[in-house]
Structure formats: C-alpha cells, structure tokens
Amino acid sequence: MKNIFAKTLGGLILGVCLTGTLSAAGYTVSYDVKGDTRKNYVVKEIRMYYHAYADAIFEGVRAVDGSMRFTLKDIPNTGIRVRTHRNGEKISIVTMAKNAAQAKAPFAQLENDFKSKVPFYGPMVKTTDARHFLIGAFGSQSFAFLRSALGAQSGVVCAVPMITADEYGPYDDSYNVYLVMGEVLRMYNHDALPAGGIAAVTGGTTMWTSSHLNFTAILNQLLRYADHKAVEYLSFAQKKTFALQYGVQSNTGGVLTIVGRAAPNVEIASGANIRSIQRTAKYRVNDGTLLEDVFSMDARDSKGIGWSFNCTIKMQ
C-alpha cells in the first residue's frame, strides 16, 4: 500500500513539475454525510442512522495549464462520527483529533444533540458508547488529490493515520472519517466548466451539460468506509446515468459563479432515488483561480428516508 501511494503521489508531483507551478493557496475542505436505513425482516428490524463530518486544510498548487494538486496541510478541528446500532437503541460516538482533550470535548454535546434533535432515533436511545481516537503524525503525502483545469477531481489518495487511545481495547468498527472525505471528494468526478474553460464562459457560453454520471462505485466504497456492517443490509446500484445542467449564475465584481443542477429521480438503492444534485463553483475571472466549489446530493425514498452528502472546497 505504501509503495502504491508513493508512486501515485510521485506521479502527481512529477506532473506539476512538468507543467510548471503558477501559484499555491490554502483551501479548507469540509464535508457532512448523513444516512438513514430502515428495513423490516421477518425476525428483526434494521434501524441505522449515520452522521459524519470533518474538515481539513489543504495546499492547492496550481499549474500553468490550470490543473491543481491538493495536499494535506493540517487537521485543526475534531472529526465526528455518530451512528446507531442495529435497533436504534444505542449510539456510538467516535471523535478524532490530534490530542485527547480536543477529541473528548464534544462528547456530551453530541449525545445531547442526538437525543433532542434527531427525529425518530433520538427518543429511542438508551445507551451511549463514546470513544476518542488520535490522529497520528501525518505529512502532505497523507492525503492528496488532483483537479483538472475544468474542475474534474481524481487521484484521491488518503492514508491519515488513526491511533487507538491506550484506554481502549481493539475497536472493530468503522471510524476513519477522512477515508469518507476522500470518497465524497470523488463525487466531483466531472468537468464543471465547459470546453474552453472560463474563457468560453466569459466569451458568451451561458449553458452547458456535464458528462453522464454514475455514482455506484463511489457510494458503495463510501458505505464500506462509513459502516462496514451496513453492507450486510444495503448496497447501491444506480439504475441509469444522468447529467447536470450548468449555467452562469453571476459574473460580477471579478467573480464568476456557475451552478450545475439535476433532479434525476434515479433509483440508487432500496427504493431510494437521487432527488437532487447541485454543484456551485466560484472563480476569480482575471486569473482563473478557484475560490469555492460546493457539491450536494440528496437521495430519499417515498417516505423521505435516505442519505445526503455535502462537501465544500473553499480558499482560505
């Protein structure tokens, strides 16, 4: 795994070196994932709720061809994962930070918020298991990804080390919220800008369509990272591809804002359909610098039960 990672990152670095470096800037990447799975079997009911969020600071290095290489710079805040056990009566709270005090600090608030603010599940909770983990020493090579000049992201490599605290025994559960972040970043897997990039947009292109998208592989890998036991009851299979319709929202004050939308109503799992997707990207017009890129997806069944994925990449 280490050899594969080293070769991959080496390729990313070599690619930037060959094309030349134009500029570097700090970016905050943050995400929020929520999932709700409910199934009735002859002998048992499955009630699974999942919520994770985290952020990290990356350095984005832009090459003269407009592509970017993002590498991890810091993880200043606590990463969070809260999920129910199978019948919904127990919640597992897991936090990750660079020191124990920071990791433990949100325990009480997370428990109170879940019990009081999460519909359906909150009143069920009888038991809470709270554990913290430490983020081990990491460098820029611990998390990296590429972004093309037109906004398609690829080459995500994540190996942020998680250390079990001495006070706990082995923990057979899913908790690395940075692996989940990596999969959410893969959802930016298509060009946001049209052929010709910003020049085409400022030159008069006002509407364009993305490539046809299928998120099956990403969603299933995300599920394995989010809750390795959930794969016993759930899998994703997107029934057909769809595309986002992009257009210019505004071009004022030297900032170009484009928005891509789709409401495909495409089934992905257990009667749940992708209800909506939106991607909003902002660029500085004079030099093409990425300022922000926000992606959101909402998938629900006819009862409103399902999943949501949100991610923001924003220049500091």
C-alpha atoms as a PDB file:
ATOM      1  CA  MET A   1       0.000   0.000   0.000  1.00  0.00           C
ATOM      2  CA  LYS A   2       2.823   2.407   0.898  1.00  0.00           C
ATOM      3  CA  ASN A   3       4.621   1.684  -2.396  1.00  0.00           C
ATOM      4  CA  ILE A   4       1.434   2.297  -4.383  1.00  0.00           C
ATOM      5  CA  PHE A   5       0.827   5.548  -2.514  1.00  0.00           C
ATOM      6  CA  ALA A   6       4.428   6.709  -3.051  1.00  0.00           C
ATOM      7  CA  LYS A   7       4.223   6.014  -6.780  1.00  0.00           C
ATOM      8  CA  THR A   8       0.860   7.778  -7.066  1.00  0.00           C
ATOM      9  CA  LEU A   9       1.975  10.876  -5.196  1.00  0.00           C
ATOM     10  CA  GLY A  10       5.260  10.871  -7.101  1.00  0.00           C
ATOM     11  CA  GLY A  11       3.246  10.969 -10.315  1.00  0.00           C
ATOM     12  CA  LEU A  12       1.217  13.906  -9.021  1.00  0.00           C
ATOM     13  CA  ILE A  13       4.365  15.828  -8.103  1.00  0.00           C
ATOM     14  CA  LEU A  14       6.070  14.991 -11.399  1.00  0.00           C
ATOM     15  CA  GLY A  15       3.005  16.149 -13.316  1.00  0.00           C
ATOM     16  CA  VAL A  16       3.102  19.549 -11.632  1.00  0.00           C
ATOM     17  CA  CYS A  17       6.835  19.838 -12.185  1.00  0.00           C
ATOM     18  CA  LEU A  18       6.429  19.123 -15.909  1.00  0.00           C
ATOM     19  CA  THR A  19       3.682  21.678 -16.417  1.00  0.00           C
ATOM     20  CA  GLY A  20       5.189  24.339 -14.168  1.00  0.00           C
ATOM     21  CA  THR A  21       3.812  25.864 -10.989  1.00  0.00           C
ATOM     22  CA  LEU A  22       1.794  29.053 -11.205  1.00  0.00           C
ATOM     23  CA  SER A  23       0.562  29.621  -7.662  1.00  0.00           C
ATOM     24  CA  ALA A  24      -0.275  27.994  -4.331  1.00  0.00           C
ATOM     25  CA  ALA A  25      -3.022  28.783  -1.831  1.00  0.00           C
ATOM     26  CA  GLY A  26      -4.640  27.327   1.272  1.00  0.00           C
ATOM     27  CA  TYR A  27      -8.052  25.654   0.988  1.00  0.00           C
ATOM     28  CA  THR A  28     -10.419  24.292   3.601  1.00  0.00           C
ATOM     29  CA  VAL A  29     -12.200  21.085   2.659  1.00  0.00           C
ATOM     30  CA  SER A  30     -15.228  20.231   4.790  1.00  0.00           C
ATOM     31  CA  TYR A  31     -17.986  17.670   4.429  1.00  0.00           C
ATOM     32  CA  ASP A  32     -21.148  16.399   6.094  1.00  0.00           C
ATOM     33  CA  VAL A  33     -22.701  12.993   5.407  1.00  0.00           C
ATOM     34  CA  LYS A  34     -25.982  11.704   6.848  1.00  0.00           C
ATOM     35  CA  GLY A  35     -27.592   8.341   6.226  1.00  0.00           C
ATOM     36  CA  ASP A  36     -30.756   6.608   7.420  1.00  0.00           C
ATOM     37  CA  THR A  37     -31.533   2.974   6.572  1.00  0.00           C
ATOM     38  CA  ARG A  38     -34.678   1.219   7.789  1.00  0.00           C
ATOM     39  CA  LYS A  39     -35.617  -2.322   6.811  1.00  0.00           C
ATOM     40  CA  ASN A  40     -38.061  -4.862   8.182  1.00  0.00           C
ATOM     41  CA  TYR A  41     -37.118  -8.525   8.181  1.00  0.00           C
ATOM     42  CA  VAL A  42     -39.133 -11.480   9.445  1.00  0.00           C
ATOM     43  CA  VAL A  43     -37.042 -11.837  12.597  1.00  0.00           C
ATOM     44  CA  LYS A  44     -35.708  -8.312  13.118  1.00  0.00           C
ATOM     45  CA  GLU A  45     -35.894  -4.663  12.198  1.00  0.00           C
ATOM     46  CA  ILE A  46     -32.880  -2.719  10.955  1.00  0.00           C
ATOM     47  CA  ARG A  47     -32.631   0.870  12.131  1.00  0.00           C
ATOM     48  CA  MET A  48     -29.341   2.507  11.142  1.00  0.00           C
ATOM     49  CA  TYR A  49     -28.589   6.209  11.364  1.00  0.00           C
ATOM     50  CA  TYR A  50     -25.171   7.597  10.445  1.00  0.00           C
ATOM     51  CA  HIS A  51     -23.697  11.091  10.638  1.00  0.00           C
ATOM     52  CA  ALA A  52     -20.115  12.136   9.987  1.00  0.00           C
ATOM     53  CA  TYR A  53     -18.398  15.422   9.404  1.00  0.00           C
ATOM     54  CA  ALA A  54     -14.839  16.692   9.337  1.00  0.00           C
ATOM     55  CA  ASP A  55     -12.662  19.351   7.813  1.00  0.00           C
ATOM     56  CA  ALA A  56      -9.018  19.695   6.865  1.00  0.00           C
ATOM     57  CA  ILE A  57      -6.704  22.296   5.375  1.00  0.00           C
ATOM     58  CA  PHE A  58      -5.024  21.554   2.052  1.00  0.00           C
ATOM     59  CA  GLU A  59      -2.453  23.374  -0.004  1.00  0.00           C
ATOM     60  CA  GLY A  60      -3.665  23.779  -3.552  1.00  0.00           C
ATOM     61  CA  VAL A  61      -0.858  24.171  -6.075  1.00  0.00           C
ATOM     62  CA  ARG A  62      -1.988  25.408  -9.470  1.00  0.00           C
ATOM     63  CA  ALA A  63      -0.021  24.669 -12.617  1.00  0.00           C
ATOM     64  CA  VAL A  64       0.170  26.835 -15.722  1.00  0.00           C
ATOM     65  CA  ASP A  65      -2.240  24.501 -17.541  1.00  0.00           C
ATOM     66  CA  GLY A  66      -4.887  25.275 -14.902  1.00  0.00           C
ATOM     67  CA  SER A  67      -4.787  21.894 -13.152  1.00  0.00           C
ATOM     68  CA  MET A  68      -4.297  21.733  -9.378  1.00  0.00           C
ATOM     69  CA  ARG A  69      -2.693  19.368  -6.904  1.00  0.00           C
ATOM     70  CA  PHE A  70      -4.097  19.388  -3.355  1.00  0.00           C
ATOM     71  CA  THR A  71      -2.062  18.012  -0.461  1.00  0.00           C
ATOM     72  CA  LEU A  72      -2.897  17.867   3.241  1.00  0.00           C
ATOM     73  CA  LYS A  73      -1.524  20.701   5.360  1.00  0.00           C
ATOM     74  CA  ASP A  74      -3.359  20.450   8.695  1.00  0.00           C
ATOM     75  CA  ILE A  75      -6.343  18.939  10.544  1.00  0.00           C
ATOM     76  CA  PRO A  76      -7.058  21.605  13.183  1.00  0.00           C
ATOM     77  CA  ASN A  77     -10.544  20.521  14.253  1.00  0.00           C
ATOM     78  CA  THR A  78     -12.196  17.399  15.624  1.00  0.00           C
ATOM     79  CA  GLY A  79     -13.677  14.874  13.207  1.00  0.00           C
ATOM     80  CA  ILE A  80     -17.008  13.347  14.257  1.00  0.00           C
ATOM     81  CA  ARG A  81     -18.905  10.144  13.568  1.00  0.00           C
ATOM     82  CA  VAL A  82     -22.174   9.248  15.302  1.00  0.00           C
ATOM     83  CA  ARG A  83     -24.192   6.175  14.416  1.00  0.00           C
ATOM     84  CA  THR A  84     -26.843   3.944  15.893  1.00  0.00           C
ATOM     85  CA  HIS A  85     -26.516   0.240  16.418  1.00  0.00           C
ATOM     86  CA  ARG A  86     -28.915  -2.016  14.550  1.00  0.00           C
ATOM     87  CA  ASN A  87     -32.097  -1.459  16.558  1.00  0.00           C
ATOM     88  CA  GLY A  88     -31.562   2.248  17.180  1.00  0.00           C
ATOM     89  CA  GLU A  89     -31.407   1.989  20.984  1.00  0.00           C
ATOM     90  CA  LYS A  90     -27.653   2.513  21.248  1.00  0.00           C
ATOM     91  CA  ILE A  91     -25.495   5.194  19.685  1.00  0.00           C
ATOM     92  CA  SER A  92     -21.773   5.055  19.109  1.00  0.00           C
ATOM     93  CA  ILE A  93     -19.944   8.391  19.215  1.00  0.00           C
ATOM     94  CA  VAL A  94     -16.440   8.446  17.785  1.00  0.00           C
ATOM     95  CA  THR A  95     -14.223  11.523  17.589  1.00  0.00           C
ATOM     96  CA  MET A  96     -10.785  12.102  16.090  1.00  0.00           C
ATOM     97  CA  ALA A  97      -8.326  14.867  16.933  1.00  0.00           C
ATOM     98  CA  LYS A  98      -4.619  15.488  17.436  1.00  0.00           C
ATOM     99  CA  ASN A  99      -4.914  15.312  21.234  1.00  0.00           C
ATOM    100  CA  ALA A 100      -7.214  13.561  23.707  1.00  0.00           C
ATOM    101  CA  ALA A 101      -8.661  16.691  25.332  1.00  0.00           C
ATOM    102  CA  GLN A 102      -9.759  18.112  21.994  1.00  0.00           C
ATOM    103  CA  ALA A 103     -11.224  14.768  20.900  1.00  0.00           C
ATOM    104  CA  LYS A 104     -13.229  14.236  24.108  1.00  0.00           C
ATOM    105  CA  ALA A 105     -14.576  17.784  24.367  1.00  0.00           C
ATOM    106  CA  PRO A 106     -17.655  17.285  22.104  1.00  0.00           C
ATOM    107  CA  PHE A 107     -18.899  14.039  23.727  1.00  0.00           C
ATOM    108  CA  ALA A 108     -21.665  15.493  25.920  1.00  0.00           C
ATOM    109  CA  GLN A 109     -22.916  17.960  23.318  1.00  0.00           C
ATOM    110  CA  LEU A 110     -23.043  15.301  20.611  1.00  0.00           C
ATOM    111  CA  GLU A 111     -25.059  12.976  22.844  1.00  0.00           C
ATOM    112  CA  ASN A 112     -27.477  15.710  23.886  1.00  0.00           C
ATOM    113  CA  ASP A 113     -27.930  16.946  20.315  1.00  0.00           C
ATOM    114  CA  PHE A 114     -28.645  13.447  19.051  1.00  0.00           C
ATOM    115  CA  LYS A 115     -31.239  12.686  21.709  1.00  0.00           C
ATOM    116  CA  SER A 116     -33.008  16.021  21.362  1.00  0.00           C
ATOM    117  CA  LYS A 117     -32.627  16.909  17.683  1.00  0.00           C
ATOM    118  CA  VAL A 118     -32.554  13.726  15.592  1.00  0.00           C
ATOM    119  CA  PRO A 119     -36.107  12.774  14.584  1.00  0.00           C
ATOM    120  CA  PHE A 120     -37.274   9.188  15.074  1.00  0.00           C
ATOM    121  CA  TYR A 121     -33.980   7.981  16.572  1.00  0.00           C
ATOM    122  CA  GLY A 122     -33.343  10.446  19.387  1.00  0.00           C
ATOM    123  CA  PRO A 123     -36.084   9.212  21.749  1.00  0.00           C
ATOM    124  CA  MET A 124     -35.015   5.578  21.224  1.00  0.00           C
ATOM    125  CA  VAL A 125     -31.541   5.961  22.694  1.00  0.00           C
ATOM    126  CA  LYS A 126     -30.931   4.123  25.954  1.00  0.00           C
ATOM    127  CA  THR A 127     -27.154   3.608  25.803  1.00  0.00           C
ATOM    128  CA  THR A 128     -24.261   5.714  24.535  1.00  0.00           C
ATOM    129  CA  ASP A 129     -20.743   4.486  23.799  1.00  0.00           C
ATOM    130  CA  ALA A 130     -18.274   7.356  23.334  1.00  0.00           C
ATOM    131  CA  ARG A 131     -14.676   6.803  22.259  1.00  0.00           C
ATOM    132  CA  HIS A 132     -11.934   9.060  21.013  1.00  0.00           C
ATOM    133  CA  PHE A 133      -9.073   8.341  18.653  1.00  0.00           C
ATOM    134  CA  LEU A 134      -5.906  10.259  17.945  1.00  0.00           C
ATOM    135  CA  ILE A 135      -4.733  11.442  14.574  1.00  0.00           C
ATOM    136  CA  GLY A 136      -1.166  10.203  14.180  1.00  0.00           C
ATOM    137  CA  ALA A 137       1.731  12.100  12.663  1.00  0.00           C
ATOM    138  CA  PHE A 138       0.962  12.983   9.061  1.00  0.00           C
ATOM    139  CA  GLY A 139       2.565  14.894   6.241  1.00  0.00           C
ATOM    140  CA  SER A 140       1.441  16.302   2.933  1.00  0.00           C
ATOM    141  CA  GLN A 141       1.552  12.796   1.456  1.00  0.00           C
ATOM    142  CA  SER A 142      -1.132  11.563   3.861  1.00  0.00           C
ATOM    143  CA  PHE A 143      -3.976  12.956   1.765  1.00  0.00           C
ATOM    144  CA  ALA A 144      -3.828  14.245  -1.799  1.00  0.00           C
ATOM    145  CA  PHE A 145      -5.960  14.637  -4.896  1.00  0.00           C
ATOM    146  CA  LEU A 146      -5.889  16.190  -8.356  1.00  0.00           C
ATOM    147  CA  ARG A 147      -8.228  18.655 -10.014  1.00  0.00           C
ATOM    148  CA  SER A 148      -8.294  19.293 -13.754  1.00  0.00           C
ATOM    149  CA  ALA A 149      -8.455  22.769 -15.265  1.00  0.00           C
ATOM    150  CA  LEU A 150     -12.180  22.228 -15.916  1.00  0.00           C
ATOM    151  CA  GLY A 151     -12.933  21.028 -12.374  1.00  0.00           C
ATOM    152  CA  ALA A 152     -12.931  17.214 -12.531  1.00  0.00           C
ATOM    153  CA  GLN A 153     -11.256  15.657  -9.500  1.00  0.00           C
ATOM    154  CA  SER A 154      -9.363  12.355  -9.482  1.00  0.00           C
ATOM    155  CA  GLY A 155      -6.370  10.543  -7.992  1.00  0.00           C
ATOM    156  CA  VAL A 156      -7.634  10.706  -4.404  1.00  0.00           C
ATOM    157  CA  VAL A 157      -5.168   9.045  -2.028  1.00  0.00           C
ATOM    158  CA  CYS A 158      -5.893   9.024   1.719  1.00  0.00           C
ATOM    159  CA  ALA A 159      -3.780   7.472   4.462  1.00  0.00           C
ATOM    160  CA  VAL A 160      -4.395   9.671   7.516  1.00  0.00           C
ATOM    161  CA  PRO A 161      -3.220   7.551  10.490  1.00  0.00           C
ATOM    162  CA  MET A 162      -5.707   6.792  13.283  1.00  0.00           C
ATOM    163  CA  ILE A 163      -4.361   5.667  16.672  1.00  0.00           C
ATOM    164  CA  THR A 164      -6.484   3.809  19.237  1.00  0.00           C
ATOM    165  CA  ALA A 165      -6.239   5.508  22.632  1.00  0.00           C
ATOM    166  CA  ASP A 166      -4.436   3.475  25.313  1.00  0.00           C
ATOM    167  CA  GLU A 167      -7.553   3.290  27.498  1.00  0.00           C
ATOM    168  CA  TYR A 168      -9.478   1.278  24.900  1.00  0.00           C
ATOM    169  CA  GLY A 169      -9.065  -2.215  23.596  1.00  0.00           C
ATOM    170  CA  PRO A 170      -9.311  -3.096  19.899  1.00  0.00           C
ATOM    171  CA  TYR A 171     -12.225  -1.392  18.216  1.00  0.00           C
ATOM    172  CA  ASP A 172     -13.842  -3.410  15.452  1.00  0.00           C
ATOM    173  CA  ASP A 173     -15.780  -0.593  13.855  1.00  0.00           C
ATOM    174  CA  SER A 174     -15.649   1.981  11.084  1.00  0.00           C
ATOM    175  CA  TYR A 175     -14.469   5.375  12.227  1.00  0.00           C
ATOM    176  CA  ASN A 176     -11.922   6.946   9.868  1.00  0.00           C
ATOM    177  CA  VAL A 177     -13.875   9.966   8.705  1.00  0.00           C
ATOM    178  CA  TYR A 178     -11.022  11.053   6.424  1.00  0.00           C
ATOM    179  CA  LEU A 179     -11.462   7.986   4.235  1.00  0.00           C
ATOM    180  CA  VAL A 180     -15.101   9.055   3.944  1.00  0.00           C
ATOM    181  CA  MET A 181     -13.931  12.553   2.995  1.00  0.00           C
ATOM    182  CA  GLY A 182     -11.845  11.037   0.220  1.00  0.00           C
ATOM    183  CA  GLU A 183     -14.877   9.311  -1.279  1.00  0.00           C
ATOM    184  CA  VAL A 184     -17.002  12.454  -1.068  1.00  0.00           C
ATOM    185  CA  LEU A 185     -14.254  14.315  -2.950  1.00  0.00           C
ATOM    186  CA  ARG A 186     -14.556  11.712  -5.723  1.00  0.00           C
ATOM    187  CA  MET A 187     -18.106  12.930  -6.324  1.00  0.00           C
ATOM    188  CA  TYR A 188     -16.523  15.929  -8.067  1.00  0.00           C
ATOM    189  CA  ASN A 189     -15.760  13.493 -10.875  1.00  0.00           C
ATOM    190  CA  HIS A 190     -16.829  15.594 -13.839  1.00  0.00           C
ATOM    191  CA  ASP A 191     -15.982  18.905 -15.509  1.00  0.00           C
ATOM    192  CA  ALA A 192     -17.829  21.848 -14.042  1.00  0.00           C
ATOM    193  CA  LEU A 193     -16.663  24.251 -16.766  1.00  0.00           C
ATOM    194  CA  PRO A 194     -17.365  23.816 -20.473  1.00  0.00           C
ATOM    195  CA  ALA A 195     -14.674  23.107 -23.058  1.00  0.00           C
ATOM    196  CA  GLY A 196     -12.597  26.254 -23.231  1.00  0.00           C
ATOM    197  CA  GLY A 197     -12.982  26.906 -19.515  1.00  0.00           C
ATOM    198  CA  ILE A 198     -13.562  30.361 -18.087  1.00  0.00           C
ATOM    199  CA  ALA A 199     -12.627  31.999 -21.388  1.00  0.00           C
ATOM    200  CA  ALA A 200     -15.527  30.206 -23.078  1.00  0.00           C
ATOM    201  CA  VAL A 201     -17.942  31.351 -20.368  1.00  0.00           C
ATOM    202  CA  THR A 202     -16.825  34.977 -20.410  1.00  0.00           C
ATOM    203  CA  GLY A 203     -16.861  34.772 -24.220  1.00  0.00           C
ATOM    204  CA  GLY A 204     -20.573  34.046 -24.291  1.00  0.00           C
ATOM    205  CA  THR A 205     -21.236  30.413 -23.352  1.00  0.00           C
ATOM    206  CA  THR A 206     -24.126  30.536 -20.894  1.00  0.00           C
ATOM    207  CA  MET A 207     -25.410  26.941 -20.712  1.00  0.00           C
ATOM    208  CA  TRP A 208     -23.672  23.570 -20.967  1.00  0.00           C
ATOM    209  CA  THR A 209     -24.142  19.967 -19.836  1.00  0.00           C
ATOM    210  CA  SER A 210     -21.863  17.700 -17.833  1.00  0.00           C
ATOM    211  CA  SER A 211     -20.831  14.213 -18.860  1.00  0.00           C
ATOM    212  CA  HIS A 212     -23.182  11.376 -17.909  1.00  0.00           C
ATOM    213  CA  LEU A 213     -22.660  10.387 -14.281  1.00  0.00           C
ATOM    214  CA  ASN A 214     -22.899   7.142 -12.340  1.00  0.00           C
ATOM    215  CA  PHE A 215     -22.050   7.225  -8.616  1.00  0.00           C
ATOM    216  CA  THR A 216     -22.500   3.492  -7.874  1.00  0.00           C
ATOM    217  CA  ALA A 217     -18.842   2.640  -7.197  1.00  0.00           C
ATOM    218  CA  ILE A 218     -18.242   5.763  -5.111  1.00  0.00           C
ATOM    219  CA  LEU A 219     -21.353   5.239  -2.981  1.00  0.00           C
ATOM    220  CA  ASN A 220     -20.548   1.590  -2.264  1.00  0.00           C
ATOM    221  CA  GLN A 221     -16.977   2.387  -1.251  1.00  0.00           C
ATOM    222  CA  LEU A 222     -18.226   5.260   0.893  1.00  0.00           C
ATOM    223  CA  LEU A 223     -20.660   2.849   2.586  1.00  0.00           C
ATOM    224  CA  ARG A 224     -17.852   0.395   3.390  1.00  0.00           C
ATOM    225  CA  TYR A 225     -15.804   3.173   4.997  1.00  0.00           C
ATOM    226  CA  ALA A 226     -18.783   4.668   6.804  1.00  0.00           C
ATOM    227  CA  ASP A 227     -20.131   1.449   8.340  1.00  0.00           C
ATOM    228  CA  HIS A 228     -18.592  -1.867   7.327  1.00  0.00           C
ATOM    229  CA  LYS A 229     -21.553  -3.736   8.853  1.00  0.00           C
ATOM    230  CA  ALA A 230     -24.126  -1.844   6.810  1.00  0.00           C
ATOM    231  CA  VAL A 231     -23.033  -3.645   3.651  1.00  0.00           C
ATOM    232  CA  GLU A 232     -24.877  -6.691   5.022  1.00  0.00           C
ATOM    233  CA  TYR A 233     -28.165  -4.839   4.549  1.00  0.00           C
ATOM    234  CA  LEU A 234     -27.540  -2.271   1.850  1.00  0.00           C
ATOM    235  CA  SER A 235     -25.811  -1.805  -1.478  1.00  0.00           C
ATOM    236  CA  PHE A 236     -26.014   0.909  -4.110  1.00  0.00           C
ATOM    237  CA  ALA A 237     -26.788   0.352  -7.786  1.00  0.00           C
ATOM    238  CA  GLN A 238     -27.628   3.458  -9.790  1.00  0.00           C
ATOM    239  CA  LYS A 239     -30.213   2.428 -12.380  1.00  0.00           C
ATOM    240  CA  LYS A 240     -29.169   4.849 -15.104  1.00  0.00           C
ATOM    241  CA  THR A 241     -26.799   7.719 -15.751  1.00  0.00           C
ATOM    242  CA  PHE A 242     -27.750  11.373 -15.787  1.00  0.00           C
ATOM    243  CA  ALA A 243     -26.111  14.744 -16.387  1.00  0.00           C
ATOM    244  CA  LEU A 244     -26.051  18.119 -14.655  1.00  0.00           C
ATOM    245  CA  GLN A 245     -27.228  21.199 -16.499  1.00  0.00           C
ATOM    246  CA  TYR A 246     -24.751  24.032 -15.897  1.00  0.00           C
ATOM    247  CA  GLY A 247     -25.161  27.744 -16.354  1.00  0.00           C
ATOM    248  CA  VAL A 248     -23.850  31.123 -15.251  1.00  0.00           C
ATOM    249  CA  GLN A 249     -25.429  32.391 -12.052  1.00  0.00           C
ATOM    250  CA  SER A 250     -23.483  35.650 -11.910  1.00  0.00           C
ATOM    251  CA  ASN A 251     -20.372  37.392 -13.173  1.00  0.00           C
ATOM    252  CA  THR A 252     -19.874  40.476 -11.044  1.00  0.00           C
ATOM    253  CA  GLY A 253     -17.066  42.036  -9.049  1.00  0.00           C
ATOM    254  CA  GLY A 254     -14.499  39.912 -10.844  1.00  0.00           C
ATOM    255  CA  VAL A 255     -16.067  36.678  -9.588  1.00  0.00           C
ATOM    256  CA  LEU A 256     -17.727  34.147 -11.879  1.00  0.00           C
ATOM    257  CA  THR A 257     -20.301  31.847 -10.256  1.00  0.00           C
ATOM    258  CA  ILE A 258     -21.570  28.819 -12.121  1.00  0.00           C
ATOM    259  CA  VAL A 259     -24.235  26.356 -10.973  1.00  0.00           C
ATOM    260  CA  GLY A 260     -24.950  22.822 -12.122  1.00  0.00           C
ATOM    261  CA  ARG A 261     -28.234  21.152 -11.200  1.00  0.00           C
ATOM    262  CA  ALA A 262     -30.065  17.898 -11.739  1.00  0.00           C
ATOM    263  CA  ALA A 263     -33.239  16.356 -10.340  1.00  0.00           C
ATOM    264  CA  PRO A 264     -32.949  12.946 -11.995  1.00  0.00           C
ATOM    265  CA  ASN A 265     -35.188  10.857  -9.731  1.00  0.00           C
ATOM    266  CA  VAL A 266     -32.848   7.918 -10.420  1.00  0.00           C
ATOM    267  CA  GLU A 267     -33.040   4.928  -8.082  1.00  0.00           C
ATOM    268  CA  ILE A 268     -29.815   4.022  -6.296  1.00  0.00           C
ATOM    269  CA  ALA A 269     -30.922   1.623  -3.513  1.00  0.00           C
ATOM    270  CA  SER A 270     -33.962   0.105  -1.774  1.00  0.00           C
ATOM    271  CA  GLY A 271     -36.466   2.373  -3.473  1.00  0.00           C
ATOM    272  CA  ALA A 272     -34.387   5.474  -2.706  1.00  0.00           C
ATOM    273  CA  ASN A 273     -33.890   7.882  -5.593  1.00  0.00           C
ATOM    274  CA  ILE A 274     -31.428  10.679  -6.154  1.00  0.00           C
ATOM    275  CA  ARG A 275     -33.795  13.588  -5.721  1.00  0.00           C
ATOM    276  CA  SER A 276     -31.378  16.442  -6.357  1.00  0.00           C
ATOM    277  CA  ILE A 277     -27.769  17.320  -7.036  1.00  0.00           C
ATOM    278  CA  GLN A 278     -26.239  20.780  -7.104  1.00  0.00           C
ATOM    279  CA  ARG A 279     -22.690  21.986  -7.673  1.00  0.00           C
ATOM    280  CA  THR A 280     -21.790  25.653  -7.293  1.00  0.00           C
ATOM    281  CA  ALA A 281     -18.303  26.844  -8.231  1.00  0.00           C
ATOM    282  CA  LYS A 282     -16.783  30.310  -7.971  1.00  0.00           C
ATOM    283  CA  TYR A 283     -13.711  31.518  -9.846  1.00  0.00           C
ATOM    284  CA  ARG A 284     -11.708  34.720  -9.926  1.00  0.00           C
ATOM    285  CA  VAL A 285     -12.083  35.824 -13.516  1.00  0.00           C
ATOM    286  CA  ASN A 286      -8.803  37.661 -14.094  1.00  0.00           C
ATOM    287  CA  ASP A 287      -6.564  34.655 -13.361  1.00  0.00           C
ATOM    288  CA  GLY A 288      -8.947  31.677 -13.177  1.00  0.00           C
ATOM    289  CA  THR A 289      -8.254  30.963  -9.508  1.00  0.00           C
ATOM    290  CA  LEU A 290     -10.717  28.615  -7.807  1.00  0.00           C
ATOM    291  CA  LEU A 291     -12.417  30.372  -4.897  1.00  0.00           C
ATOM    292  CA  GLU A 292     -15.042  27.824  -3.867  1.00  0.00           C
ATOM    293  CA  ASP A 293     -16.716  24.623  -5.055  1.00  0.00           C
ATOM    294  CA  VAL A 294     -19.748  23.232  -3.208  1.00  0.00           C
ATOM    295  CA  PHE A 295     -21.310  19.852  -4.020  1.00  0.00           C
ATOM    296  CA  SER A 296     -24.514  18.429  -2.549  1.00  0.00           C
ATOM    297  CA  MET A 297     -26.593  15.336  -3.220  1.00  0.00           C
ATOM    298  CA  ASP A 298     -29.872  14.251  -1.662  1.00  0.00           C
ATOM    299  CA  ALA A 299     -31.314  10.741  -2.054  1.00  0.00           C
ATOM    300  CA  ARG A 300     -34.607   9.660  -0.437  1.00  0.00           C
ATOM    301  CA  ASP A 301     -37.340   7.081  -0.678  1.00  0.00           C
ATOM    302  CA  SER A 302     -41.055   7.867  -0.848  1.00  0.00           C
ATOM    303  CA  LYS A 303     -41.140   8.315   2.947  1.00  0.00           C
ATOM    304  CA  GLY A 304     -38.277  10.806   2.930  1.00  0.00           C
ATOM    305  CA  ILE A 305     -35.748   8.347   4.358  1.00  0.00           C
ATOM    306  CA  GLY A 306     -32.287   8.184   2.831  1.00  0.00           C
ATOM    307  CA  TRP A 307     -28.943   9.936   2.565  1.00  0.00           C
ATOM    308  CA  SER A 308     -27.379  13.333   1.967  1.00  0.00           C
ATOM    309  CA  PHE A 309     -23.831  14.271   1.000  1.00  0.00           C
ATOM    310  CA  ASN A 310     -22.381  17.778   1.187  1.00  0.00           C
ATOM    311  CA  CYS A 311     -18.842  18.993   0.586  1.00  0.00           C
ATOM    312  CA  THR A 312     -17.184  22.410   0.313  1.00  0.00           C
ATOM    313  CA  ILE A 313     -13.763  23.288  -1.055  1.00  0.00           C
ATOM    314  CA  LYS A 314     -13.032  26.918  -0.208  1.00  0.00           C
ATOM    315  CA  MET A 315      -9.993  29.158  -0.464  1.00  0.00           C
ATOM    316  CA  GLN A 316      -8.961  30.472   2.936  1.00  0.00           C
END
